[in-house]
Amino acid sequence: MSASCQLERELAHISAMIALLRDRVALDANNPVMDPAYWRARIRNAAREAPLDSVLQQRVINLIAKLDAIPAASASAKQEHKRSRARHR
């Protein structure tokens, strides 16, 4: 499989995970995979593995922009998770 095909597959996977993060489906504040920083790193690493044409470059930019919109939601979910755990002690 070519490097650009692998990159496209990786970006498709990351896009699906961003949708889960954005919708906060199965959000687990203690799971590092549910942290947007994890996915930013995956995008950066994947983008280094293959040359980016203009379409893939724009896709990377769009995915990062979607992730940038998530931290407030994730942070509030983490805070709620901590409050919930504290209440149940």
PDB file of N, CA and C in Angstrom:
ATOM      1  N   MET A   1       0.850  -1.168   0.000  1.00  0.00           N
ATOM      2  CA  MET A   1       0.000   0.000   0.000  1.00  0.00           C
ATOM      3  C   MET A   1       0.901   1.239   0.000  1.00  0.00           C
ATOM      4  N   SER A   2       0.555   2.211  -0.799  1.00  0.00           N
ATOM      5  CA  SER A   2       1.377   3.417  -0.885  1.00  0.00           C
ATOM      6  C   SER A   2       1.248   4.253   0.388  1.00  0.00           C
ATOM      7  N   ALA A   3       2.238   5.090   0.595  1.00  0.00           N
ATOM      8  CA  ALA A   3       2.243   5.939   1.790  1.00  0.00           C
ATOM      9  C   ALA A   3       1.040   6.871   1.809  1.00  0.00           C
ATOM     10  N   SER A   4       0.659   7.400   0.658  1.00  0.00           N
ATOM     11  CA  SER A   4      -0.496   8.308   0.642  1.00  0.00           C
ATOM     12  C   SER A   4      -1.801   7.558   0.917  1.00  0.00           C
ATOM     13  N   CYS A   5      -1.907   6.306   0.479  1.00  0.00           N
ATOM     14  CA  CYS A   5      -3.098   5.500   0.798  1.00  0.00           C
ATOM     15  C   CYS A   5      -3.166   5.211   2.296  1.00  0.00           C
ATOM     16  N   GLN A   6      -2.017   4.899   2.879  1.00  0.00           N
ATOM     17  CA  GLN A   6      -1.984   4.669   4.323  1.00  0.00           C
ATOM     18  C   GLN A   6      -2.380   5.936   5.072  1.00  0.00           C
ATOM     19  N   LEU A   7      -1.898   7.068   4.602  1.00  0.00           N
ATOM     20  CA  LEU A   7      -2.240   8.332   5.239  1.00  0.00           C
ATOM     21  C   LEU A   7      -3.738   8.595   5.136  1.00  0.00           C
ATOM     22  N   GLU A   8      -4.310   8.337   3.966  1.00  0.00           N
ATOM     23  CA  GLU A   8      -5.753   8.530   3.802  1.00  0.00           C
ATOM     24  C   GLU A   8      -6.540   7.642   4.756  1.00  0.00           C
ATOM     25  N   ARG A   9      -6.122   6.406   4.915  1.00  0.00           N
ATOM     26  CA  ARG A   9      -6.804   5.498   5.845  1.00  0.00           C
ATOM     27  C   ARG A   9      -6.671   5.974   7.283  1.00  0.00           C
ATOM     28  N   GLU A  10      -5.467   6.410   7.651  1.00  0.00           N
ATOM     29  CA  GLU A  10      -5.239   6.901   9.002  1.00  0.00           C
ATOM     30  C   GLU A  10      -6.089   8.148   9.270  1.00  0.00           C
ATOM     31  N   LEU A  11      -6.151   9.056   8.310  1.00  0.00           N
ATOM     32  CA  LEU A  11      -6.953  10.270   8.483  1.00  0.00           C
ATOM     33  C   LEU A  11      -8.444   9.938   8.561  1.00  0.00           C
ATOM     34  N   ALA A  12      -8.888   8.928   7.827  1.00  0.00           N
ATOM     35  CA  ALA A  12     -10.291   8.511   7.916  1.00  0.00           C
ATOM     36  C   ALA A  12     -10.591   7.979   9.318  1.00  0.00           C
ATOM     37  N   HIS A  13      -9.677   7.186   9.853  1.00  0.00           N
ATOM     38  CA  HIS A  13      -9.844   6.657  11.214  1.00  0.00           C
ATOM     39  C   HIS A  13      -9.870   7.801  12.227  1.00  0.00           C
ATOM     40  N   ILE A  14      -8.938   8.713  12.090  1.00  0.00           N
ATOM     41  CA  ILE A  14      -8.865   9.848  13.014  1.00  0.00           C
ATOM     42  C   ILE A  14     -10.136  10.688  12.914  1.00  0.00           C
ATOM     43  N   SER A  15     -10.628  10.880  11.716  1.00  0.00           N
ATOM     44  CA  SER A  15     -11.862  11.649  11.525  1.00  0.00           C
ATOM     45  C   SER A  15     -13.030  10.993  12.259  1.00  0.00           C
ATOM     46  N   ALA A  16     -13.118   9.676  12.174  1.00  0.00           N
ATOM     47  CA  ALA A  16     -14.191   8.959  12.881  1.00  0.00           C
ATOM     48  C   ALA A  16     -14.047   9.124  14.395  1.00  0.00           C
ATOM     49  N   MET A  17     -12.831   9.076  14.893  1.00  0.00           N
ATOM     50  CA  MET A  17     -12.614   9.240  16.335  1.00  0.00           C
ATOM     51  C   MET A  17     -12.917  10.666  16.791  1.00  0.00           C
ATOM     52  N   ILE A  18     -12.597  11.631  15.947  1.00  0.00           N
ATOM     53  CA  ILE A  18     -12.915  13.023  16.293  1.00  0.00           C
ATOM     54  C   ILE A  18     -14.417  13.194  16.407  1.00  0.00           C
ATOM     55  N   ALA A  19     -15.169  12.531  15.523  1.00  0.00           N
ATOM     56  CA  ALA A  19     -16.630  12.592  15.612  1.00  0.00           C
ATOM     57  C   ALA A  19     -17.107  12.028  16.942  1.00  0.00           C
ATOM     58  N   LEU A  20     -16.500  10.945  17.396  1.00  0.00           N
ATOM     59  CA  LEU A  20     -16.863  10.384  18.703  1.00  0.00           C
ATOM     60  C   LEU A  20     -16.512  11.349  19.825  1.00  0.00           C
ATOM     61  N   LEU A  21     -15.332  11.945  19.737  1.00  0.00           N
ATOM     62  CA  LEU A  21     -14.933  12.913  20.754  1.00  0.00           C
ATOM     63  C   LEU A  21     -15.882  14.103  20.773  1.00  0.00           C
ATOM     64  N   ARG A  22     -16.183  14.595  19.584  1.00  0.00           N
ATOM     65  CA  ARG A  22     -17.048  15.771  19.462  1.00  0.00           C
ATOM     66  C   ARG A  22     -18.434  15.479  20.030  1.00  0.00           C
ATOM     67  N   ASP A  23     -18.935  14.312  19.743  1.00  0.00           N
ATOM     68  CA  ASP A  23     -20.266  13.936  20.229  1.00  0.00           C
ATOM     69  C   ASP A  23     -20.203  13.375  21.639  1.00  0.00           C
ATOM     70  N   ARG A  24     -19.004  13.205  22.150  1.00  0.00           N
ATOM     71  CA  ARG A  24     -18.742  12.694  23.495  1.00  0.00           C
ATOM     72  C   ARG A  24     -19.373  11.325  23.729  1.00  0.00           C
ATOM     73  N   VAL A  25     -19.424  10.534  22.671  1.00  0.00           N
ATOM     74  CA  VAL A  25     -19.909   9.162  22.798  1.00  0.00           C
ATOM     75  C   VAL A  25     -18.820   8.356  23.482  1.00  0.00           C
ATOM     76  N   ALA A  26     -19.190   7.650  24.504  1.00  0.00           N
ATOM     77  CA  ALA A  26     -18.265   6.782  25.248  1.00  0.00           C
ATOM     78  C   ALA A  26     -17.071   7.560  25.783  1.00  0.00           C
ATOM     79  N   LEU A  27     -17.306   8.810  26.152  1.00  0.00           N
ATOM     80  CA  LEU A  27     -16.216   9.631  26.664  1.00  0.00           C
ATOM     81  C   LEU A  27     -15.796   9.134  28.036  1.00  0.00           C
ATOM     82  N   ASP A  28     -14.548   8.764  28.138  1.00  0.00           N
ATOM     83  CA  ASP A  28     -13.976   8.311  29.397  1.00  0.00           C
ATOM     84  C   ASP A  28     -12.807   9.227  29.697  1.00  0.00           C
ATOM     85  N   ALA A  29     -12.964  10.071  30.694  1.00  0.00           N
ATOM     86  CA  ALA A  29     -11.956  11.080  31.021  1.00  0.00           C
ATOM     87  C   ALA A  29     -10.624  10.455  31.417  1.00  0.00           C
ATOM     88  N   ASN A  30     -10.620   9.215  31.829  1.00  0.00           N
ATOM     89  CA  ASN A  30      -9.376   8.564  32.245  1.00  0.00           C
ATOM     90  C   ASN A  30      -8.695   7.819  31.106  1.00  0.00           C
ATOM     91  N   ASN A  31      -9.287   7.812  29.940  1.00  0.00           N
ATOM     92  CA  ASN A  31      -8.745   7.095  28.803  1.00  0.00           C
ATOM     93  C   ASN A  31      -7.967   8.056  27.917  1.00  0.00           C
ATOM     94  N   PRO A  32      -6.647   7.875  27.789  1.00  0.00           N
ATOM     95  CA  PRO A  32      -5.856   8.820  27.001  1.00  0.00           C
ATOM     96  C   PRO A  32      -6.274   8.887  25.539  1.00  0.00           C
ATOM     97  N   VAL A  33      -6.888   7.841  25.018  1.00  0.00           N
ATOM     98  CA  VAL A  33      -7.340   7.854  23.625  1.00  0.00           C
ATOM     99  C   VAL A  33      -8.500   8.834  23.435  1.00  0.00           C
ATOM    100  N   MET A  34      -9.165   9.178  24.505  1.00  0.00           N
ATOM    101  CA  MET A  34     -10.265  10.140  24.410  1.00  0.00           C
ATOM    102  C   MET A  34      -9.782  11.576  24.614  1.00  0.00           C
ATOM    103  N   ASP A  35      -8.483  11.766  24.639  1.00  0.00           N
ATOM    104  CA  ASP A  35      -7.886  13.091  24.793  1.00  0.00           C
ATOM    105  C   ASP A  35      -7.545  13.639  23.405  1.00  0.00           C
ATOM    106  N   PRO A  36      -8.040  14.814  23.066  1.00  0.00           N
ATOM    107  CA  PRO A  36      -7.727  15.395  21.755  1.00  0.00           C
ATOM    108  C   PRO A  36      -6.223  15.505  21.473  1.00  0.00           C
ATOM    109  N   ALA A  37      -5.403  15.667  22.498  1.00  0.00           N
ATOM    110  CA  ALA A  37      -3.952  15.767  22.297  1.00  0.00           C
ATOM    111  C   ALA A  37      -3.402  14.482  21.668  1.00  0.00           C
ATOM    112  N   TYR A  38      -3.967  13.348  22.053  1.00  0.00           N
ATOM    113  CA  TYR A  38      -3.542  12.071  21.467  1.00  0.00           C
ATOM    114  C   TYR A  38      -3.759  12.083  19.962  1.00  0.00           C
ATOM    115  N   TRP A  39      -4.922  12.573  19.541  1.00  0.00           N
ATOM    116  CA  TRP A  39      -5.258  12.574  18.117  1.00  0.00           C
ATOM    117  C   TRP A  39      -4.476  13.631  17.352  1.00  0.00           C
ATOM    118  N   ARG A  40      -4.165  14.760  17.997  1.00  0.00           N
ATOM    119  CA  ARG A  40      -3.291  15.755  17.354  1.00  0.00           C
ATOM    120  C   ARG A  40      -1.931  15.132  17.042  1.00  0.00           C
ATOM    121  N   ALA A  41      -1.407  14.380  17.999  1.00  0.00           N
ATOM    122  CA  ALA A  41      -0.113  13.715  17.798  1.00  0.00           C
ATOM    123  C   ALA A  41      -0.208  12.685  16.678  1.00  0.00           C
ATOM    124  N   ARG A  42      -1.295  11.941  16.628  1.00  0.00           N
ATOM    125  CA  ARG A  42      -1.479  10.948  15.553  1.00  0.00           C
ATOM    126  C   ARG A  42      -1.523  11.638  14.193  1.00  0.00           C
ATOM    127  N   ILE A  43      -2.209  12.779  14.122  1.00  0.00           N
ATOM    128  CA  ILE A  43      -2.273  13.511  12.857  1.00  0.00           C
ATOM    129  C   ILE A  43      -0.875  13.976  12.452  1.00  0.00           C
ATOM    130  N   ARG A  44      -0.153  14.573  13.390  1.00  0.00           N
ATOM    131  CA  ARG A  44       1.209  15.056  13.082  1.00  0.00           C
ATOM    132  C   ARG A  44       2.101  13.908  12.617  1.00  0.00           C
ATOM    133  N   ASN A  45       2.053  12.791  13.328  1.00  0.00           N
ATOM    134  CA  ASN A  45       2.883  11.640  12.952  1.00  0.00           C
ATOM    135  C   ASN A  45       2.502  11.089  11.589  1.00  0.00           C
ATOM    136  N   ALA A  46       1.223  10.966  11.324  1.00  0.00           N
ATOM    137  CA  ALA A  46       0.764  10.443  10.039  1.00  0.00           C
ATOM    138  C   ALA A  46       1.165  11.377   8.899  1.00  0.00           C
ATOM    139  N   ALA A  47       1.056  12.671   9.121  1.00  0.00           N
ATOM    140  CA  ALA A  47       1.390  13.640   8.078  1.00  0.00           C
ATOM    141  C   ALA A  47       2.876  13.622   7.744  1.00  0.00           C
ATOM    142  N   ARG A  48       3.706  13.219   8.677  1.00  0.00           N
ATOM    143  CA  ARG A  48       5.155  13.131   8.427  1.00  0.00           C
ATOM    144  C   ARG A  48       5.521  11.911   7.589  1.00  0.00           C
ATOM    145  N   GLU A  49       4.635  10.918   7.570  1.00  0.00           N
ATOM    146  CA  GLU A  49       4.944   9.654   6.907  1.00  0.00           C
ATOM    147  C   GLU A  49       4.786   9.684   5.395  1.00  0.00           C
ATOM    148  N   ALA A  50       4.057  10.648   4.867  1.00  0.00           N
ATOM    149  CA  ALA A  50       3.801  10.681   3.427  1.00  0.00           C
ATOM    150  C   ALA A  50       3.776  12.132   2.953  1.00  0.00           C
ATOM    151  N   PRO A  51       4.128  12.331   1.697  1.00  0.00           N
ATOM    152  CA  PRO A  51       4.018  13.696   1.170  1.00  0.00           C
ATOM    153  C   PRO A  51       2.550  14.097   1.108  1.00  0.00           C
ATOM    154  N   LEU A  52       2.278  15.339   1.442  1.00  0.00           N
ATOM    155  CA  LEU A  52       0.901  15.828   1.455  1.00  0.00           C
ATOM    156  C   LEU A  52       0.612  16.625   0.193  1.00  0.00           C
ATOM    157  N   ASP A  53      -0.358  16.138  -0.576  1.00  0.00           N
ATOM    158  CA  ASP A  53      -0.831  16.969  -1.681  1.00  0.00           C
ATOM    159  C   ASP A  53      -1.783  18.002  -1.087  1.00  0.00           C
ATOM    160  N   SER A  54      -2.293  18.886  -1.895  1.00  0.00           N
ATOM    161  CA  SER A  54      -3.128  19.967  -1.359  1.00  0.00           C
ATOM    162  C   SER A  54      -4.403  19.445  -0.706  1.00  0.00           C
ATOM    163  N   VAL A  55      -4.961  18.358  -1.212  1.00  0.00           N
ATOM    164  CA  VAL A  55      -6.183  17.795  -0.637  1.00  0.00           C
ATOM    165  C   VAL A  55      -5.905  17.217   0.746  1.00  0.00           C
ATOM    166  N   LEU A  56      -4.841  16.432   0.863  1.00  0.00           N
ATOM    167  CA  LEU A  56      -4.503  15.847   2.164  1.00  0.00           C
ATOM    168  C   LEU A  56      -4.068  16.924   3.155  1.00  0.00           C
ATOM    169  N   GLN A  57      -3.358  17.915   2.667  1.00  0.00           N
ATOM    170  CA  GLN A  57      -2.949  19.013   3.542  1.00  0.00           C
ATOM    171  C   GLN A  57      -4.174  19.729   4.112  1.00  0.00           C
ATOM    172  N   GLN A  58      -5.179  19.979   3.278  1.00  0.00           N
ATOM    173  CA  GLN A  58      -6.398  20.635   3.753  1.00  0.00           C
ATOM    174  C   GLN A  58      -7.149  19.739   4.715  1.00  0.00           C
ATOM    175  N   ARG A  59      -7.135  18.439   4.464  1.00  0.00           N
ATOM    176  CA  ARG A  59      -7.807  17.502   5.365  1.00  0.00           C
ATOM    177  C   ARG A  59      -7.154  17.516   6.745  1.00  0.00           C
ATOM    178  N   VAL A  60      -5.826  17.533   6.778  1.00  0.00           N
ATOM    179  CA  VAL A  60      -5.094  17.613   8.044  1.00  0.00           C
ATOM    180  C   VAL A  60      -5.465  18.896   8.775  1.00  0.00           C
ATOM    181  N   ILE A  61      -5.482  20.010   8.066  1.00  0.00           N
ATOM    182  CA  ILE A  61      -5.844  21.298   8.667  1.00  0.00           C
ATOM    183  C   ILE A  61      -7.256  21.251   9.234  1.00  0.00           C
ATOM    184  N   ASN A  62      -8.183  20.671   8.478  1.00  0.00           N
ATOM    185  CA  ASN A  62      -9.577  20.579   8.935  1.00  0.00           C
ATOM    186  C   ASN A  62      -9.707  19.694  10.174  1.00  0.00           C
ATOM    187  N   LEU A  63      -8.985  18.582  10.210  1.00  0.00           N
ATOM    188  CA  LEU A  63      -9.048  17.698  11.377  1.00  0.00           C
ATOM    189  C   LEU A  63      -8.507  18.390  12.618  1.00  0.00           C
ATOM    190  N   ILE A  64      -7.417  19.103  12.459  1.00  0.00           N
ATOM    191  CA  ILE A  64      -6.853  19.825  13.601  1.00  0.00           C
ATOM    192  C   ILE A  64      -7.822  20.906  14.070  1.00  0.00           C
ATOM    193  N   ALA A  65      -8.479  21.579  13.131  1.00  0.00           N
ATOM    194  CA  ALA A  65      -9.467  22.599  13.511  1.00  0.00           C
ATOM    195  C   ALA A  65     -10.621  21.971  14.290  1.00  0.00           C
ATOM    196  N   LYS A  66     -11.058  20.791  13.869  1.00  0.00           N
ATOM    197  CA  LYS A  66     -12.125  20.099  14.603  1.00  0.00           C
ATOM    198  C   LYS A  66     -11.662  19.738  16.009  1.00  0.00           C
ATOM    199  N   LEU A  67     -10.426  19.280  16.124  1.00  0.00           N
ATOM    200  CA  LEU A  67      -9.890  18.960  17.452  1.00  0.00           C
ATOM    201  C   LEU A  67      -9.790  20.203  18.320  1.00  0.00           C
ATOM    202  N   ASP A  68      -9.414  21.316  17.716  1.00  0.00           N
ATOM    203  CA  ASP A  68      -9.284  22.557  18.477  1.00  0.00           C
ATOM    204  C   ASP A  68     -10.610  23.010  19.075  1.00  0.00           C
ATOM    205  N   ALA A  69     -11.700  22.569  18.497  1.00  0.00           N
ATOM    206  CA  ALA A  69     -13.022  22.928  19.011  1.00  0.00           C
ATOM    207  C   ALA A  69     -13.453  22.025  20.165  1.00  0.00           C
ATOM    208  N   ILE A  70     -12.720  20.965  20.428  1.00  0.00           N
ATOM    209  CA  ILE A  70     -13.124  19.964  21.414  1.00  0.00           C
ATOM    210  C   ILE A  70     -12.624  20.207  22.835  1.00  0.00           C
ATOM    211  N   PRO A  71     -11.439  20.744  23.099  1.00  0.00           N
ATOM    212  CA  PRO A  71     -10.898  20.742  24.465  1.00  0.00           C
ATOM    213  C   PRO A  71     -11.828  21.245  25.553  1.00  0.00           C
ATOM    214  N   ALA A  72     -12.593  22.280  25.291  1.00  0.00           N
ATOM    215  CA  ALA A  72     -13.490  22.786  26.332  1.00  0.00           C
ATOM    216  C   ALA A  72     -14.510  21.718  26.719  1.00  0.00           C
ATOM    217  N   ALA A  73     -15.039  21.032  25.738  1.00  0.00           N
ATOM    218  CA  ALA A  73     -16.010  19.970  26.018  1.00  0.00           C
ATOM    219  C   ALA A  73     -15.344  18.833  26.769  1.00  0.00           C
ATOM    220  N   SER A  74     -14.145  18.459  26.352  1.00  0.00           N
ATOM    221  CA  SER A  74     -13.446  17.371  27.024  1.00  0.00           C
ATOM    222  C   SER A  74     -13.064  17.761  28.439  1.00  0.00           C
ATOM    223  N   ALA A  75     -12.613  18.989  28.607  1.00  0.00           N
ATOM    224  CA  ALA A  75     -12.231  19.446  29.941  1.00  0.00           C
ATOM    225  C   ALA A  75     -13.435  19.448  30.872  1.00  0.00           C
ATOM    226  N   SER A  76     -14.569  19.916  30.371  1.00  0.00           N
ATOM    227  CA  SER A  76     -15.748  19.932  31.237  1.00  0.00           C
ATOM    228  C   SER A  76     -16.215  18.514  31.536  1.00  0.00           C
ATOM    229  N   ALA A  77     -16.067  17.613  30.587  1.00  0.00           N
ATOM    230  CA  ALA A  77     -16.435  16.215  30.833  1.00  0.00           C
ATOM    231  C   ALA A  77     -15.508  15.603  31.878  1.00  0.00           C
ATOM    232  N   LYS A  78     -14.212  15.924  31.799  1.00  0.00           N
ATOM    233  CA  LYS A  78     -13.269  15.408  32.793  1.00  0.00           C
ATOM    234  C   LYS A  78     -13.613  15.946  34.179  1.00  0.00           C
ATOM    235  N   GLN A  79     -13.970  17.227  34.261  1.00  0.00           N
ATOM    236  CA  GLN A  79     -14.329  17.812  35.547  1.00  0.00           C
ATOM    237  C   GLN A  79     -15.585  17.152  36.098  1.00  0.00           C
ATOM    238  N   GLU A  80     -16.563  16.919  35.240  1.00  0.00           N
ATOM    239  CA  GLU A  80     -17.797  16.269  35.676  1.00  0.00           C
ATOM    240  C   GLU A  80     -17.509  14.847  36.151  1.00  0.00           C
ATOM    241  N   HIS A  81     -16.625  14.154  35.444  1.00  0.00           N
ATOM    242  CA  HIS A  81     -16.252  12.795  35.832  1.00  0.00           C
ATOM    243  C   HIS A  81     -15.606  12.803  37.219  1.00  0.00           C
ATOM    244  N   LYS A  82     -14.718  13.756  37.469  1.00  0.00           N
ATOM    245  CA  LYS A  82     -14.064  13.865  38.781  1.00  0.00           C
ATOM    246  C   LYS A  82     -15.087  14.175  39.867  1.00  0.00           C
ATOM    247  N   ARG A  83     -16.025  15.089  39.574  1.00  0.00           N
ATOM    248  CA  ARG A  83     -17.066  15.422  40.560  1.00  0.00           C
ATOM    249  C   ARG A  83     -17.927  14.211  40.857  1.00  0.00           C
ATOM    250  N   SER A  84     -18.262  13.475  39.831  1.00  0.00           N
ATOM    251  CA  SER A  84     -19.090  12.287  39.999  1.00  0.00           C
ATOM    252  C   SER A  84     -18.377  11.239  40.856  1.00  0.00           C
ATOM    253  N   ARG A  85     -17.093  11.037  40.595  1.00  0.00           N
ATOM    254  CA  ARG A  85     -16.330  10.079  41.411  1.00  0.00           C
ATOM    255  C   ARG A  85     -16.246  10.538  42.854  1.00  0.00           C
ATOM    256  N   ALA A  86     -16.076  11.847  43.077  1.00  0.00           N
ATOM    257  CA  ALA A  86     -15.969  12.374  44.436  1.00  0.00           C
ATOM    258  C   ALA A  86     -17.290  12.190  45.189  1.00  0.00           C
ATOM    259  N   ARG A  87     -18.411  12.344  44.495  1.00  0.00           N
ATOM    260  CA  ARG A  87     -19.730  12.176  45.136  1.00  0.00           C
ATOM    261  C   ARG A  87     -19.981  10.744  45.561  1.00  0.00           C
ATOM    262  N   HIS A  88     -19.402   9.798  44.833  1.00  0.00           N
ATOM    263  CA  HIS A  88     -19.673   8.382  45.101  1.00  0.00           C
ATOM    264  C   HIS A  88     -18.689   7.770  46.090  1.00  0.00           C
ATOM    265  N   ARG A  89     -17.854   8.574  46.668  1.00  0.00           N
ATOM    266  CA  ARG A  89     -16.886   8.043  47.660  1.00  0.00           C
ATOM    267  C   ARG A  89     -17.499   7.971  49.020  1.00  0.00           C
TER     268      ARG A  89
END
